[in-house]
Structure formats: structure tokens, C-alpha cells
Protein backbone atom coordinates (compact mmCIF):
# COMPACT_ATOMS: atom_id res chain seq x y z
CA MET A 1 -8.82 25.47 -5.95
CA PRO A 2 -11.55 26.42 -3.45
CA GLU A 3 -12.83 23.71 -1.15
CA GLU A 4 -16.23 22.21 -1.83
CA PRO A 5 -19.12 23.38 0.35
CA GLY A 6 -19.56 21.20 3.39
CA THR A 7 -15.92 20.21 3.64
CA PRO A 8 -15.37 19.54 7.39
CA ARG A 9 -12.62 21.98 8.21
CA SER A 10 -12.00 24.25 11.17
CA GLY A 11 -11.42 27.26 8.95
CA SER A 12 -11.57 28.38 5.36
CA GLY A 13 -8.99 29.48 2.87
CA ASP A 14 -5.30 29.73 3.66
CA PRO A 15 -4.64 28.63 7.27
CA ARG A 16 -2.11 31.43 7.56
CA ALA A 17 -4.66 34.05 6.55
CA SER A 18 -4.96 37.09 8.81
CA SER A 19 -7.09 36.37 11.85
CA SER A 20 -6.82 36.73 15.60
CA LEU A 21 -5.98 33.05 15.87
CA PHE A 22 -2.98 33.13 13.53
CA ALA A 23 -1.77 36.46 14.86
CA THR A 24 -0.71 34.70 18.03
CA ASP A 25 -0.43 31.11 16.75
CA PRO A 26 1.36 31.02 13.39
CA HIS A 27 0.92 27.28 13.05
CA GLY A 28 -2.80 27.31 13.70
CA LEU A 29 -2.50 24.66 16.37
CA SER A 30 -4.68 26.27 18.99
CA GLN A 31 -7.73 24.17 19.73
CA ALA A 32 -11.05 25.56 18.72
CA ALA A 33 -14.15 25.31 20.86
CA PRO A 34 -15.60 21.81 20.87
CA SER A 35 -17.99 21.29 18.01
CA ARG A 36 -21.46 20.04 18.86
CA GLN A 37 -23.52 17.80 16.69
CA ASP A 38 -26.78 17.64 18.52
CA GLY A 39 -29.38 15.38 17.05
CA VAL A 40 -26.94 12.46 16.85
CA ALA A 41 -27.76 11.22 20.33
CA PRO A 42 -26.58 7.61 19.88
CA LEU A 43 -23.11 8.92 18.95
CA ARG A 44 -22.71 11.59 21.63
CA HIS A 45 -20.50 9.43 23.84
CA LEU A 46 -18.15 8.48 21.00
CA PRO A 47 -14.91 10.33 20.22
CA GLU A 48 -15.82 13.44 18.27
CA ALA A 49 -14.13 12.38 15.03
CA LEU A 50 -16.37 9.29 14.90
CA ARG A 51 -19.42 11.55 14.74
CA LEU A 52 -18.39 12.52 11.21
CA PRO A 53 -20.05 10.02 8.80
CA LEU A 54 -17.38 10.28 6.11
CA PHE A 55 -14.56 9.65 8.58
CA ARG A 56 -16.44 6.63 9.98
CA ARG A 57 -16.79 5.18 6.48
CA TYR A 58 -13.10 5.74 5.87
CA LEU A 59 -12.17 3.84 9.05
CA LEU A 60 -14.45 0.94 8.07
CA GLY A 61 -12.68 0.66 4.74
CA LEU A 62 -9.25 1.00 6.29
CA GLY A 63 -9.76 -1.85 8.78
CA PRO A 64 -9.58 -4.79 6.35
CA LEU A 65 -6.59 -3.28 4.55
CA SER A 66 -4.72 -2.92 7.85
CA LEU A 67 -5.55 -6.54 8.67
CA GLY A 68 -4.25 -7.77 5.32
CA THR A 69 -1.10 -5.67 5.60
CA TRP A 70 -0.12 -7.25 8.91
CA MET A 71 -0.80 -10.74 7.58
CA GLN A 72 1.41 -10.00 4.61
CA LEU A 73 4.19 -8.56 6.78
CA VAL A 74 4.37 -11.72 8.87
CA ALA A 75 4.20 -14.00 5.84
CA LEU A 76 6.85 -12.11 3.86
CA GLY A 77 9.48 -12.29 6.59
CA TYR A 78 8.62 -15.91 7.40
CA LEU A 79 8.69 -17.00 3.74
CA THR A 80 12.00 -15.23 3.13
CA LEU A 81 13.61 -17.02 6.06
CA GLN A 82 12.04 -20.31 4.96
CA VAL A 83 13.19 -20.02 1.34
CA THR A 84 16.71 -18.72 1.96
CA GLY A 85 17.54 -19.63 5.56
CA SER A 86 19.51 -16.38 5.66
CA VAL A 87 19.25 -13.56 8.19
CA ALA A 88 20.85 -11.24 5.63
CA ALA A 89 18.09 -12.08 3.13
CA VAL A 90 15.44 -11.07 5.66
CA GLY A 91 17.17 -7.72 6.05
CA LEU A 92 17.48 -7.35 2.26
CA VAL A 93 13.77 -7.89 1.67
CA GLY A 94 12.93 -5.49 4.50
CA ALA A 95 15.24 -2.87 3.03
CA ALA A 96 13.90 -3.36 -0.52
CA ASP A 97 10.54 -2.02 0.61
CA GLY A 98 12.17 1.30 1.46
CA ILE A 99 14.04 1.87 -1.81
CA PRO A 100 10.99 3.33 -3.62
CA ALA A 101 10.17 5.40 -0.55
CA VAL A 102 13.54 7.13 -0.75
CA LEU A 103 13.07 7.83 -4.45
CA LEU A 104 9.32 8.44 -4.74
CA SER A 105 7.86 9.76 -1.47
CA VAL A 106 8.63 13.43 -2.07
CA PRO A 107 7.37 13.44 -5.70
CA ALA A 108 4.34 11.44 -4.50
CA GLY A 109 3.55 14.24 -2.06
CA ALA A 110 3.50 16.71 -4.93
CA VAL A 111 1.08 14.40 -6.75
CA GLY A 112 -1.16 14.33 -3.67
CA ASP A 113 -1.26 18.12 -3.61
CA GLN A 114 -1.94 18.43 -7.35
CA PHE A 115 -4.61 15.74 -7.91
CA PRO A 116 -7.63 14.66 -5.83
CA ARG A 117 -6.28 12.64 -2.92
CA ARG A 118 -9.14 10.14 -3.17
CA LEU A 119 -8.08 9.32 -6.75
CA VAL A 120 -4.42 8.94 -5.78
CA LEU A 121 -5.43 6.57 -2.97
CA MET A 122 -7.57 4.45 -5.27
CA VAL A 123 -4.73 3.95 -7.78
CA ALA A 124 -2.13 3.21 -5.09
CA THR A 125 -4.41 0.82 -3.19
CA SER A 126 -5.21 -1.07 -6.39
CA ALA A 127 -1.47 -1.48 -7.05
CA LEU A 128 -1.00 -2.94 -3.56
CA GLY A 129 -3.74 -5.49 -4.20
CA LEU A 130 -2.39 -6.54 -7.59
CA THR A 131 1.13 -6.98 -6.22
CA SER A 132 -0.18 -9.17 -3.40
CA LEU A 133 -2.13 -11.26 -5.87
CA GLY A 134 1.00 -11.83 -7.96
CA LEU A 135 3.00 -12.80 -4.88
CA ALA A 136 0.27 -15.24 -3.83
CA LEU A 137 0.52 -16.94 -7.22
CA ALA A 138 4.32 -17.11 -7.01
CA ALA A 139 4.23 -18.59 -3.50
CA GLY A 140 1.48 -21.06 -4.41
CA LEU A 141 3.41 -22.29 -7.45
CA GLY A 142 6.69 -22.59 -5.55
CA ARG A 143 8.32 -19.77 -7.52
CA ALA A 144 8.93 -17.40 -4.61
CA SER A 145 12.70 -17.09 -4.99
CA LEU A 146 14.70 -14.32 -3.36
CA PRO A 147 14.61 -12.10 -6.49
CA VAL A 148 10.81 -12.49 -6.61
CA LEU A 149 10.48 -11.55 -2.95
CA VAL A 150 12.75 -8.54 -3.35
CA GLY A 151 10.84 -7.46 -6.47
CA ALA A 152 7.51 -7.75 -4.67
CA ALA A 153 8.86 -5.72 -1.74
CA ILE A 154 9.95 -2.98 -4.15
CA CYS A 155 6.47 -2.93 -5.74
CA PHE A 156 4.83 -2.70 -2.31
CA GLY A 157 7.12 0.17 -1.40
CA ALA A 158 6.38 2.04 -4.63
CA ALA A 159 2.62 1.78 -4.17
CA ASP A 160 2.82 2.79 -0.52
CA SER A 161 5.01 5.77 -1.41
CA PHE A 162 2.00 7.29 -3.17
CA ASN A 163 -0.52 5.92 -0.70
CA ALA A 164 0.92 7.25 2.57
CA PRO A 165 1.19 11.04 1.98
CA SER A 166 -2.28 11.32 0.45
CA ARG A 167 -3.81 9.10 3.14
CA GLN A 168 -2.36 11.19 5.96
CA ALA A 169 -3.27 14.46 4.26
CA LEU A 170 -6.81 13.19 3.60
CA ILE A 171 -7.46 12.72 7.32
CA ALA A 172 -6.73 16.40 7.89
CA ASP A 173 -9.18 17.17 5.06
CA LEU A 174 -11.91 15.07 6.67
CA VAL A 175 -11.84 16.34 10.25
CA PRO A 176 -11.49 19.80 11.86
CA ARG A 177 -8.04 20.75 13.11
CA ASP A 178 -9.01 20.52 16.78
CA GLN A 179 -10.05 16.87 16.29
CA LEU A 180 -6.84 15.70 14.60
CA VAL A 181 -5.39 14.02 17.70
CA GLY A 182 -8.59 12.04 18.19
CA ALA A 183 -8.75 11.08 14.51
CA ALA A 184 -5.09 10.02 14.50
CA THR A 185 -5.48 7.85 17.61
CA LEU A 186 -8.61 6.23 16.16
CA THR A 187 -6.75 5.44 12.96
CA SER A 188 -3.88 4.04 15.02
CA SER A 189 -6.37 1.96 17.02
CA VAL A 190 -7.65 0.37 13.81
CA GLY A 191 -4.06 -0.54 12.95
CA SER A 192 -3.47 -1.86 16.47
CA ALA A 193 -6.55 -4.07 16.33
CA ALA A 194 -5.33 -5.38 12.99
CA ARG A 195 -1.93 -5.99 14.55
CA ILE A 196 -3.54 -8.15 17.24
CA ILE A 197 -5.74 -10.14 14.89
CA GLY A 198 -3.77 -10.20 11.63
CA PRO A 199 -0.52 -11.83 12.77
CA ALA A 200 -2.40 -14.40 14.84
CA VAL A 201 -4.46 -15.37 11.78
CA ALA A 202 -1.29 -15.31 9.67
CA GLY A 203 0.41 -17.69 12.11
CA ILE A 204 -2.46 -20.15 11.75
CA LEU A 205 -2.50 -19.86 7.97
CA LEU A 206 1.28 -20.25 7.75
CA GLY A 207 1.02 -23.51 9.66
CA THR A 208 -1.91 -24.86 7.63
CA LEU A 209 -2.31 -23.36 4.15
CA GLY A 210 1.07 -21.68 3.67
CA ALA A 211 2.26 -18.16 2.91
CA ALA A 212 0.26 -17.88 -0.33
CA SER A 213 -3.00 -17.71 1.64
CA CYS A 214 -1.74 -14.65 3.57
CA PHE A 215 -0.85 -12.83 0.37
CA LEU A 216 -4.22 -13.73 -1.12
CA ALA A 217 -5.95 -12.29 1.94
CA MET A 218 -3.99 -9.05 1.46
CA ALA A 219 -5.15 -8.86 -2.16
CA ALA A 220 -8.78 -9.23 -1.09
CA SER A 221 -8.43 -6.68 1.73
CA VAL A 222 -8.15 -3.73 -0.67
CA ILE A 223 -11.70 -4.21 -1.96
CA PRO A 224 -13.61 -2.58 0.97
CA LEU A 225 -11.46 0.57 0.92
CA LEU A 226 -11.81 0.88 -2.84
CA GLY A 227 -15.57 0.58 -2.39
CA VAL A 228 -15.62 3.38 0.20
CA LEU A 229 -13.42 5.66 -1.91
CA SER A 230 -15.50 5.12 -5.04
CA HIS A 231 -18.66 6.57 -3.47
CA GLY A 232 -18.77 10.30 -2.72
CA PRO A 233 -19.04 13.06 -2.10
CA TRP A 234 -15.50 13.55 -0.83
CA PRO A 235 -13.88 16.87 0.11
CA VAL A 236 -11.57 18.48 -2.41
CA ALA A 237 -8.82 20.40 -0.65
CA ARG A 238 -7.05 23.40 -2.12
CA THR A 239 -4.36 22.21 -4.55
CA SER A 240 -1.02 23.75 -5.44
CA SER A 241 -0.68 26.10 -8.39
CA THR A 242 -0.97 24.46 -11.79
CA GLU A 243 1.45 27.06 -13.17
CA MET A 244 4.32 25.55 -11.18
CA GLY A 245 6.04 22.49 -12.60
CA ALA A 246 6.38 19.18 -10.78
CA LEU A 247 9.97 19.88 -9.71
CA GLY A 248 9.00 23.35 -8.57
CA ARG A 249 6.23 21.96 -6.34
CA VAL A 250 8.65 19.45 -4.82
CA LEU A 251 11.23 22.13 -4.10
CA GLU A 252 8.59 24.47 -2.70
CA GLY A 253 7.51 21.88 -0.15
CA MET A 254 11.08 21.12 0.87
CA ARG A 255 11.96 24.81 1.26
CA TRP A 256 8.89 25.48 3.38
CA SER A 257 9.56 22.48 5.63
CA ARG A 258 13.23 23.41 6.08
CA ALA A 259 12.42 27.04 6.93
CA ASP A 260 9.84 26.22 9.62
CA PRO A 261 11.56 25.39 12.96
CA LEU A 262 8.59 23.41 14.27
CA VAL A 263 8.34 21.23 11.18
CA ARG A 264 12.10 20.81 11.04
CA SER A 265 12.41 19.49 14.59
CA VAL A 266 9.40 17.18 14.23
CA LEU A 267 10.80 15.69 11.02
CA LEU A 268 14.13 15.03 12.75
CA GLY A 269 12.35 13.19 15.57
CA SER A 270 10.34 11.22 13.01
CA LEU A 271 13.48 10.25 11.08
CA THR A 272 15.19 8.95 14.21
CA LEU A 273 12.11 7.01 15.28
CA GLY A 274 11.74 5.60 11.76
CA ALA A 275 15.36 4.54 11.31
CA LEU A 276 16.44 3.25 14.72
CA GLY A 277 13.03 2.63 16.28
CA ILE A 278 11.40 0.81 13.35
CA GLY A 279 14.45 -0.67 11.68
CA TYR A 280 14.51 -3.59 14.11
CA MET A 281 11.17 -5.01 12.98
CA PRO A 282 12.39 -7.18 10.06
CA TYR A 283 14.55 -9.02 12.59
CA LEU A 284 11.62 -10.22 14.69
CA PRO A 285 11.61 -13.58 12.82
CA VAL A 286 15.28 -13.91 13.81
CA PHE A 287 14.45 -13.00 17.41
CA ALA A 288 11.61 -15.55 17.50
CA ARG A 289 13.82 -18.32 16.14
CA GLU A 290 17.17 -17.70 17.82
CA GLN A 291 16.28 -16.15 21.16
CA LEU A 292 12.79 -17.56 21.82
CA HIS A 293 13.30 -20.81 19.87
CA GLY A 294 9.87 -20.56 18.23
CA GLY A 295 8.33 -20.78 14.76
CA GLY A 296 5.54 -19.12 12.85
CA GLN A 297 3.03 -19.32 15.70
CA VAL A 298 5.40 -17.61 18.15
CA LEU A 299 6.17 -14.94 15.57
CA GLY A 300 2.47 -14.30 14.96
CA LEU A 301 1.85 -14.07 18.71
CA MET A 302 4.68 -11.55 19.08
CA TYR A 303 3.15 -9.26 16.47
CA SER A 304 -0.31 -9.65 18.00
CA VAL A 305 0.51 -8.92 21.63
CA GLY A 306 2.48 -5.89 20.54
CA GLY A 307 -0.77 -4.31 19.39
CA ILE A 308 -2.66 -4.74 22.65
CA GLY A 309 -1.00 -1.82 24.42
CA ALA A 310 -1.40 0.44 21.40
CA LEU A 311 -5.07 -0.46 21.00
CA ALA A 312 -5.93 0.23 24.64
CA GLY A 313 -3.86 3.39 24.68
CA GLY A 314 -5.25 4.61 21.36
CA LEU A 315 -8.85 4.24 22.46
CA ALA A 316 -8.14 6.05 25.72
CA LEU A 317 -6.30 8.86 23.99
CA SER A 318 -9.10 9.29 21.45
CA LEU A 319 -11.59 9.87 24.27
CA PHE A 320 -9.42 12.49 25.99
CA SER A 321 -7.73 13.92 22.92
CA ARG A 322 -8.86 17.51 23.56
CA ARG A 323 -7.06 17.59 26.92
CA LEU A 324 -3.73 16.33 25.58
CA ARG A 325 -0.75 18.58 24.96
CA ARG A 326 1.41 17.23 22.17
CA ASN A 327 4.76 17.95 23.83
CA ARG A 328 3.71 16.21 27.06
CA LEU A 329 2.49 13.23 25.08
CA LEU A 330 5.88 13.02 23.38
CA LEU A 331 7.71 13.48 26.71
CA ALA A 332 5.86 10.47 28.12
CA ALA A 333 6.26 8.36 24.99
CA ALA A 334 10.03 8.78 24.59
CA PRO A 335 11.26 6.94 27.72
CA LEU A 336 8.52 4.33 27.45
CA TYR A 337 9.44 3.42 23.88
CA ALA A 338 13.18 3.39 24.56
CA ALA A 339 12.90 1.29 27.73
CA ALA A 340 10.52 -1.23 26.14
CA LEU A 341 12.67 -1.73 23.02
CA PHE A 342 15.81 -2.04 25.16
CA GLY A 343 14.03 -4.58 27.37
CA LEU A 344 12.93 -6.64 24.37
CA THR A 345 16.52 -7.12 23.26
CA ARG A 346 17.33 -8.58 26.67
CA ALA A 347 14.20 -10.75 27.10
CA PRO A 348 15.16 -14.47 27.19
CA THR A 349 11.58 -15.82 27.21
CA LEU A 350 8.30 -15.06 25.45
CA TRP A 351 6.64 -14.11 28.74
CA LEU A 352 9.23 -11.40 29.36
CA ALA A 353 9.05 -10.26 25.74
CA ILE A 354 5.26 -9.80 25.81
CA PRO A 355 5.13 -6.70 28.12
CA CYS A 356 8.04 -5.18 26.20
CA LEU A 357 6.20 -5.60 22.89
CA ALA A 358 3.08 -3.98 24.35
CA GLY A 359 5.18 -1.09 25.69
CA ILE A 360 6.87 -0.58 22.32
CA SER A 361 3.50 -0.34 20.59
CA LEU A 362 2.02 2.03 23.16
CA GLY A 363 5.10 4.24 23.12
CA PHE A 364 5.21 4.35 19.34
CA MET A 365 1.49 5.13 19.07
CA ALA A 366 1.81 8.06 21.47
CA ALA A 367 4.99 9.45 19.89
CA ASN A 368 3.68 9.00 16.36
CA THR A 369 0.39 10.72 17.25
CA ALA A 370 2.20 13.74 18.68
CA LEU A 371 4.53 14.06 15.69
CA LEU A 372 1.96 13.31 12.99
CA THR A 373 -0.80 15.60 14.17
CA THR A 374 1.64 18.47 14.65
CA LEU A 375 2.62 18.26 10.99
CA GLN A 376 -0.97 17.78 9.79
CA ALA A 377 -2.11 20.93 11.56
CA ALA A 378 0.96 23.04 10.78
CA ALA A 379 0.98 22.53 7.01
CA PRO A 380 -1.26 24.63 4.74
CA PRO A 381 -3.85 22.50 2.89
CA GLU A 382 -2.26 23.12 -0.50
CA MET A 383 1.12 21.89 0.82
CA ARG A 384 -0.03 19.25 3.29
CA ALA A 385 0.66 16.16 1.16
CA ARG A 386 4.21 17.35 0.43
CA VAL A 387 4.94 17.85 4.13
CA MET A 388 3.40 14.47 4.93
CA ALA A 389 5.56 12.95 2.18
CA LEU A 390 8.67 14.01 4.10
CA TYR A 391 7.14 12.46 7.22
CA SER A 392 6.42 9.24 5.28
CA LEU A 393 9.97 9.26 3.94
CA ALA A 394 11.27 9.36 7.51
CA TYR A 395 9.51 6.07 8.25
CA ALA A 396 9.36 4.23 4.94
CA GLY A 397 12.90 5.16 3.97
CA GLY A 398 14.40 5.50 7.42
CA GLY A 399 13.15 2.09 8.57
CA PRO A 400 14.99 0.08 5.88
CA LEU A 401 18.07 2.24 6.30
CA GLY A 402 17.98 1.43 10.00
CA THR A 403 17.59 -2.25 9.14
CA LEU A 404 20.73 -2.11 6.99
CA LEU A 405 22.55 -0.15 9.71
CA TYR A 406 21.73 -2.81 12.28
CA ALA A 407 22.87 -5.49 9.83
CA GLY A 408 26.20 -3.70 9.41
CA LEU A 409 26.67 -3.18 13.13
CA SER A 410 25.92 -6.88 13.74
CA ARG A 411 29.31 -7.67 12.16
CA PHE A 412 31.02 -5.96 15.09
CA VAL A 413 28.58 -6.38 17.99
CA PRO A 414 25.67 -8.79 18.60
CA LEU A 415 22.59 -7.78 16.59
CA PHE A 416 20.35 -7.27 19.60
CA SER A 417 23.01 -5.21 21.39
CA ALA A 418 23.05 -2.88 18.39
CA ILE A 419 19.25 -2.56 18.57
CA ALA A 420 19.47 -1.84 22.31
CA GLY A 421 21.86 1.03 21.58
CA GLY A 422 19.47 2.34 18.93
CA ALA A 423 16.65 2.34 21.49
CA VAL A 424 18.64 4.67 23.75
CA VAL A 425 19.33 7.07 20.86
CA VAL A 426 15.63 7.14 19.92
CA GLY A 427 14.62 8.04 23.46
CA LEU A 428 17.13 10.87 23.69
CA VAL A 429 16.20 12.42 20.34
CA LEU A 430 12.47 12.28 21.07
CA LEU A 431 13.06 13.95 24.43
CA TRP A 432 15.06 16.68 22.66
CA THR A 433 12.23 17.18 20.15
CA ALA A 434 9.62 17.41 22.90
CA THR A 435 11.59 20.09 24.76
CA ARG A 436 12.09 22.40 21.77
CA PRO A 437 10.49 25.83 22.36
CA THR A 438 8.27 25.35 19.32
CA MET A 439 6.89 22.08 20.76
CA ARG A 440 6.48 23.44 24.29
CA ALA A 441 4.34 26.27 22.92
CA LEU A 442 1.80 23.84 21.45
CA PRO A 443 -1.64 23.34 23.08
């Protein structure tokens, strides 16, 4: 399907069409000349992606949802530990969120390439809100048993399986290819700001009104994004062939991703970061209680301070995004992330944990930006959601698998020693990804 007139893209038609650019750069990752939007003088000092009205509206709608998501994350882990008193139950609920991702992410990518991504996002976001509302009622009525919490986590994971690929593909539809790094860092900055504010608010609400109030806030947070998505016009990217069946579209995306050496190496780095680098997060309530001897307020503070480094770094990167080379960004992020996560597992006090949490967030933001924007730019528009689905699977499915792996290893070695070993592996794999010839050739 042809793109609508006015769609903000750096090129037209198939990104692998014959042109001087793609003759020497098969992935289309070379940066174009900076676009100028004279006549918008008040915005001229902002990052270029923010000069696009539709992208600005999207960020404004995304902010409340990110805030609610962090509040819910804190409350879900805290409530699980409160209801069951079991570390294993915390890991089970964290892993339950990833079960739908393993089963649905790849088919969800095919859906995002076949139907308007805005429509897919509206349905998935509505499902997130309704699930949060149901969990708020269960918590408020004292019915939040372990099966209820596991069931809610599965519903969240199912909705996010459809949300994530279309959301990430939509960003590449909204901004030109040469502004993807800036757009990605701005989106990450919104999430980082929410990470600072959301858990702190959640900690206060947990100590005063209880977990149900956090889930209710998450349910309300979907309304602004739904309002933004319901008002157009929105770009309509090229979709995959309607003559190909659903299974055929899924297989096509997997074959293309496997055959491309750049995409293959980036997906491997993403899987390692998702499994071993994100899988520790459900155990933060355990860390707060057993190593820092704190409660809900300490846990909320831990989540909040972790976002400070990512927010500052994201804003800086968005301003200088045109000068950044993706492989160098990944080379810098790999040792920072590994060292910070390793240091967190050895921190005996909150004051030593705080700089480690900030370093983890900054390192993840930089590594994720390099990996994500490479895939967004490399994939053709009609296959972009399917490629991003594999990327989402690496995080949404890999994270819970890493959580279960750490739980299994904790039977033989201390839990935080297992996480420290995982941090070293993450650093080494990201360094390997950054030094691949396909990554070194990127602008």
C-alpha cells in the first residue's frame, strides 16, 4: 500500500530500491543532510524530532502511560511479596509476563505490518487499561491471590506483545531515518522521567492507600494516549502483501532477519541484554528487603534514582544524535552497563547502590538506542513490525527467561552472585556485537 502524502519519511517506496545511497549502503543507514524547518523559530533549538508536530503529540500521550507502567511494576512486585512472602512467587509473576511474549510477539509483528499500526496500538493499549482496572478491583477487595496476580501478568504480557512491535515501528514511520537516534533517545527520556517519578509516587501510595491505587492510576494513564491516537491524520506505512497468509508473513520476516548479518548480530545482542541484563529486575524487591533492609519506600527510591542517569544521558544524546556512531555508542555502553550491574550486586548500602542504579539505566539506554535504531532503519517499511517483534521478543521473552535462570542458579550459588556473572556475560556479548564488521560500517 502506498504511503499517504505528507508522511514524514526520508525516502519513498522500498528502502532497498535502486539509488546511489543504497548502492553503497544496503541497509540505508547513511545519514541524510539535516532537514530544516524554518519558520518554526521557537523550536529551532530543540532536538530535530521534536520539531515534528505528530511526534510531539505522540510523546505527550506516551508520558502518562509510561508513568502508570512504572507505578504498576513497583506495586505488582511489592504486592506479590506481601501476599505470598515468597521470593519464588516474585520470580513466577515476573516470568508470567513473558509467556505471551514468547508465544505472541512474532505473530503480533505480522499484525502490525498488515493492519494500521495506530489501530493495533489503540486496541492493545485499551487491553492494558482494562487489565489494570480489574487488578485494582481485586487488590481493593482483598482478592489478589497468587493465581490472580499471575493471570494479570499474563494479560499484561499479551497486550504488550501486540503493543511493542507496532509502537516501535510507528516511530520509524513518524520521523525520517536520519532522526531515528534522536527520536529513540527522546522516547527513552520520557520513560526515564517516568521511572524517576512513577516509583516514587508508587512508594507513597503503597504506604498510604495500598497497591490498588497504583493499579487504578495505570488504568487511567491509557486515556491520554488513546486520545492522541484517535485524532489524525496519521501516516499509513506500506503493508505486507494481502495475498500471503498470516503464517507466510511470519515466516517471511524470520527468514529475512536470519539472512541479514547485521540484523542477526543485533538481535543476538538484544537477546543477551534482555535475558541476563533485564532478568534481574523482578528481584529488586528482594534486594531492597534482604540486602538494604528497606520496604516500599526504599524500593520506590531505587527505581526512581535508576532513571536519573538515563534521563540526563537521553536528553544529551538527543541533542547530539546526528554526530553519534551506533557502534561507538554500543562500545561505550557495554562496559558501563556490565560494571554498574556487577557493582549493584555487591552494594551493601543504599548510598552505594544509587550510583550503580544510575549507571545501569544510562548504559541500558545507550545500548538499547544503538540496537533499536539499527533495526528500525535496516528493516523495509512493509517488514518493520515483524523485525521489531523479534526485537521485542528478545526483551519481553528473554527477560522472564533470565529471571527463571537466575532463580535456578540461586539453588547452587547466591542469587546476587548469579546476577553478577550475568552482568559480565552481557558486557562481553555487547562488545562482540559492537565490533562486528556490519556494525563498524554504520554511520
